[in-house]
Amino acid sequence: MRLLILGATGKIGGLALERALADGHDVVALVRDAARLEIRERLTIVTGNIADASVILGALEGSSAVIAALGPRSNTTEDELALEVGMRNVTAAMEAASVDRLIALSGAAVAVPGDTKPPLDRLASVLVRRFARHVVGAKQREYEVFSATGLNWTAL
């Protein structure tokens, strides 16, 4: 299977990349800085940004699924909005390329309809929202974008 991994130079995205390659998958990693990944067999590195829908569409070619291990780089309004715009570009490109499987890294403080958290988890969510409000906001916006699509998605 060919997978597109977004966020492959981060901690969790890097683990997803390693696992996918170890399991024999072909991987396309869309990264801002190609120097942060070593060239390997079955790995195609595409330099670009999720802000550019045409780059995403090109990177998706031949893929069966997308793993999005994206997150804001800082706790700012700009990064919060950038992740939302990026996920809109990702989901639009997926729909255009008929790639319907999305696995997205979420966050514990993201509010999901029907989710019932134990009291300690609710307290932790309140604290995270207070001290990292734009990080949580970015992940909440990202969730709202992909959950409103017809994609076959899973949030972790």
Protein backbone atom coordinates (compact mmCIF):
# COMPACT_ATOMS: atom_id res chain seq x y z
CA MET A 1 0.00 0.00 0.00
CA ARG A 2 1.18 3.53 -0.72
CA LEU A 3 0.68 6.02 2.12
CA LEU A 4 1.04 9.79 2.30
CA ILE A 5 2.36 10.86 5.69
CA LEU A 6 2.02 14.48 6.78
CA GLY A 7 4.16 15.47 9.75
CA ALA A 8 6.75 12.73 9.10
CA THR A 9 9.58 14.80 10.61
CA GLY A 10 7.81 15.12 13.96
CA LYS A 11 7.96 12.63 16.82
CA ILE A 12 4.72 10.76 16.17
CA GLY A 13 4.84 11.21 12.39
CA GLY A 14 8.39 9.86 12.42
CA LEU A 15 7.22 6.76 14.30
CA ALA A 16 4.40 6.30 11.77
CA LEU A 17 6.93 6.61 8.94
CA GLU A 18 9.25 4.02 10.49
CA ARG A 19 6.40 1.58 11.11
CA ALA A 20 4.96 1.97 7.62
CA LEU A 21 8.35 1.30 6.02
CA ALA A 22 9.04 -1.64 8.37
CA ASP A 23 5.68 -3.13 7.37
CA GLY A 24 6.66 -2.93 3.69
CA HIS A 25 4.52 0.03 2.62
CA ASP A 26 5.58 2.61 0.07
CA VAL A 27 5.55 6.00 1.74
CA VAL A 28 5.37 9.56 0.46
CA ALA A 29 6.38 12.09 3.08
CA LEU A 30 5.28 15.67 2.46
CA VAL A 31 7.73 17.82 4.43
CA ARG A 32 8.80 21.45 4.59
CA ASP A 33 12.50 20.52 4.87
CA ALA A 34 13.66 17.44 2.94
CA ALA A 35 17.03 17.51 4.73
CA ARG A 36 15.29 16.33 7.91
CA LEU A 37 14.67 12.86 6.39
CA GLU A 38 17.19 10.37 5.10
CA ILE A 39 16.65 8.90 1.65
CA ARG A 40 15.57 5.27 1.86
CA GLU A 41 14.08 2.51 -0.21
CA ARG A 42 10.28 2.83 -0.61
CA LEU A 43 10.33 6.44 0.65
CA THR A 44 9.52 9.37 -1.62
CA ILE A 45 10.15 12.79 -0.12
CA VAL A 46 8.09 15.70 -1.43
CA THR A 47 9.04 19.18 -0.30
CA GLY A 48 6.10 21.48 0.26
CA ASN A 49 3.53 22.71 2.68
CA ILE A 50 -0.09 21.86 3.43
CA ALA A 51 -0.89 25.48 2.65
CA ASP A 52 -0.38 24.57 -1.04
CA ALA A 53 -3.25 22.39 -2.25
CA SER A 54 -1.53 21.57 -5.56
CA VAL A 55 1.50 20.11 -3.75
CA ILE A 56 -0.80 17.90 -1.66
CA LEU A 57 -2.64 16.73 -4.76
CA GLY A 58 0.64 15.77 -6.44
CA ALA A 59 1.91 13.97 -3.33
CA LEU A 60 -1.35 11.98 -3.11
CA GLU A 61 -0.93 10.40 -6.54
CA GLY A 62 -1.22 6.63 -6.21
CA SER A 63 -1.81 6.71 -2.45
CA SER A 64 -4.44 4.63 -0.68
CA ALA A 65 -4.50 6.57 2.60
CA VAL A 66 -3.21 9.63 4.43
CA ILE A 67 -1.72 9.68 7.90
CA ALA A 68 -1.87 13.24 9.27
CA ALA A 69 0.39 13.66 12.30
CA LEU A 70 0.18 17.42 12.08
CA GLY A 71 0.19 19.98 14.83
CA PRO A 72 0.80 23.64 15.36
CA ARG A 73 4.42 24.66 15.86
CA SER A 74 3.48 27.21 18.49
CA ASN A 75 0.58 28.28 20.67
CA THR A 76 -0.49 31.17 18.43
CA THR A 77 -3.61 32.26 16.58
CA GLU A 78 -1.66 32.13 13.30
CA ASP A 79 -0.72 28.47 13.79
CA GLU A 80 -4.26 27.63 14.88
CA LEU A 81 -5.68 29.07 11.66
CA ALA A 82 -2.90 27.59 9.51
CA LEU A 83 -3.73 24.05 10.61
CA GLU A 84 -7.39 24.56 9.75
CA VAL A 85 -6.53 25.90 6.28
CA GLY A 86 -4.06 23.06 5.77
CA MET A 87 -6.61 20.40 6.69
CA ARG A 88 -9.14 22.00 4.33
CA ASN A 89 -6.52 21.68 1.58
CA VAL A 90 -5.74 18.09 2.55
CA THR A 91 -9.37 16.95 2.60
CA ALA A 92 -10.16 18.75 -0.67
CA ALA A 93 -7.15 17.14 -2.36
CA MET A 94 -8.14 13.73 -0.99
CA GLU A 95 -11.65 14.10 -2.35
CA ALA A 96 -10.31 15.26 -5.74
CA ALA A 97 -7.89 12.31 -5.90
CA SER A 98 -10.51 9.79 -4.66
CA VAL A 99 -8.39 8.89 -1.64
CA ASP A 100 -10.92 8.41 1.12
CA ARG A 101 -8.93 6.98 4.09
CA LEU A 102 -7.59 9.50 6.64
CA ILE A 103 -5.92 8.69 9.94
CA ALA A 104 -5.38 11.86 11.97
CA LEU A 105 -3.55 12.52 15.19
CA SER A 106 -5.94 14.31 17.51
CA GLY A 107 -5.69 15.56 21.07
CA ALA A 108 -7.25 14.64 24.41
CA ALA A 109 -8.76 18.11 24.86
CA VAL A 110 -10.61 18.02 21.52
CA ALA A 111 -14.37 18.00 22.06
CA VAL A 112 -16.08 15.20 20.13
CA PRO A 113 -19.87 14.74 20.14
CA GLY A 114 -20.86 11.77 22.30
CA ASP A 115 -17.44 11.51 23.97
CA THR A 116 -17.76 10.92 27.71
CA LYS A 117 -14.57 11.61 29.62
CA PRO A 118 -14.00 10.63 33.24
CA PRO A 119 -13.73 13.55 35.72
CA LEU A 120 -9.93 13.57 35.83
CA ASP A 121 -9.72 13.68 32.03
CA ARG A 122 -12.25 16.55 31.94
CA LEU A 123 -10.09 18.48 34.43
CA ALA A 124 -6.98 17.82 32.36
CA SER A 125 -8.81 19.07 29.24
CA VAL A 126 -9.79 22.29 31.02
CA LEU A 127 -6.17 22.89 32.06
CA VAL A 128 -4.77 22.15 28.60
CA ARG A 129 -7.35 24.46 27.01
CA ARG A 130 -6.38 27.22 29.45
CA PHE A 131 -2.61 27.00 29.00
CA ALA A 132 -2.39 25.90 25.36
CA ARG A 133 -5.58 27.36 23.99
CA HIS A 134 -4.37 27.82 20.40
CA VAL A 135 -2.84 24.34 20.25
CA VAL A 136 -6.17 22.85 21.36
CA GLY A 137 -8.01 25.26 19.05
CA ALA A 138 -5.90 24.12 16.11
CA LYS A 139 -6.64 20.46 16.75
CA GLN A 140 -10.34 21.22 17.34
CA ARG A 141 -10.55 23.11 14.04
CA GLU A 142 -8.71 20.30 12.25
CA TYR A 143 -11.19 17.75 13.67
CA GLU A 144 -14.17 19.89 12.65
CA VAL A 145 -12.85 20.06 9.08
CA PHE A 146 -12.25 16.35 8.48
CA SER A 147 -15.26 15.14 10.47
CA ALA A 148 -17.55 17.23 8.23
CA THR A 149 -16.33 15.43 5.09
CA GLY A 150 -17.44 12.16 3.58
CA LEU A 151 -13.96 10.72 4.11
CA ASN A 152 -13.44 7.45 5.94
CA TRP A 153 -11.51 8.96 8.87
CA THR A 154 -10.12 7.82 12.19
CA ALA A 155 -8.89 10.25 14.85
CA LEU A 156 -6.31 8.98 17.30
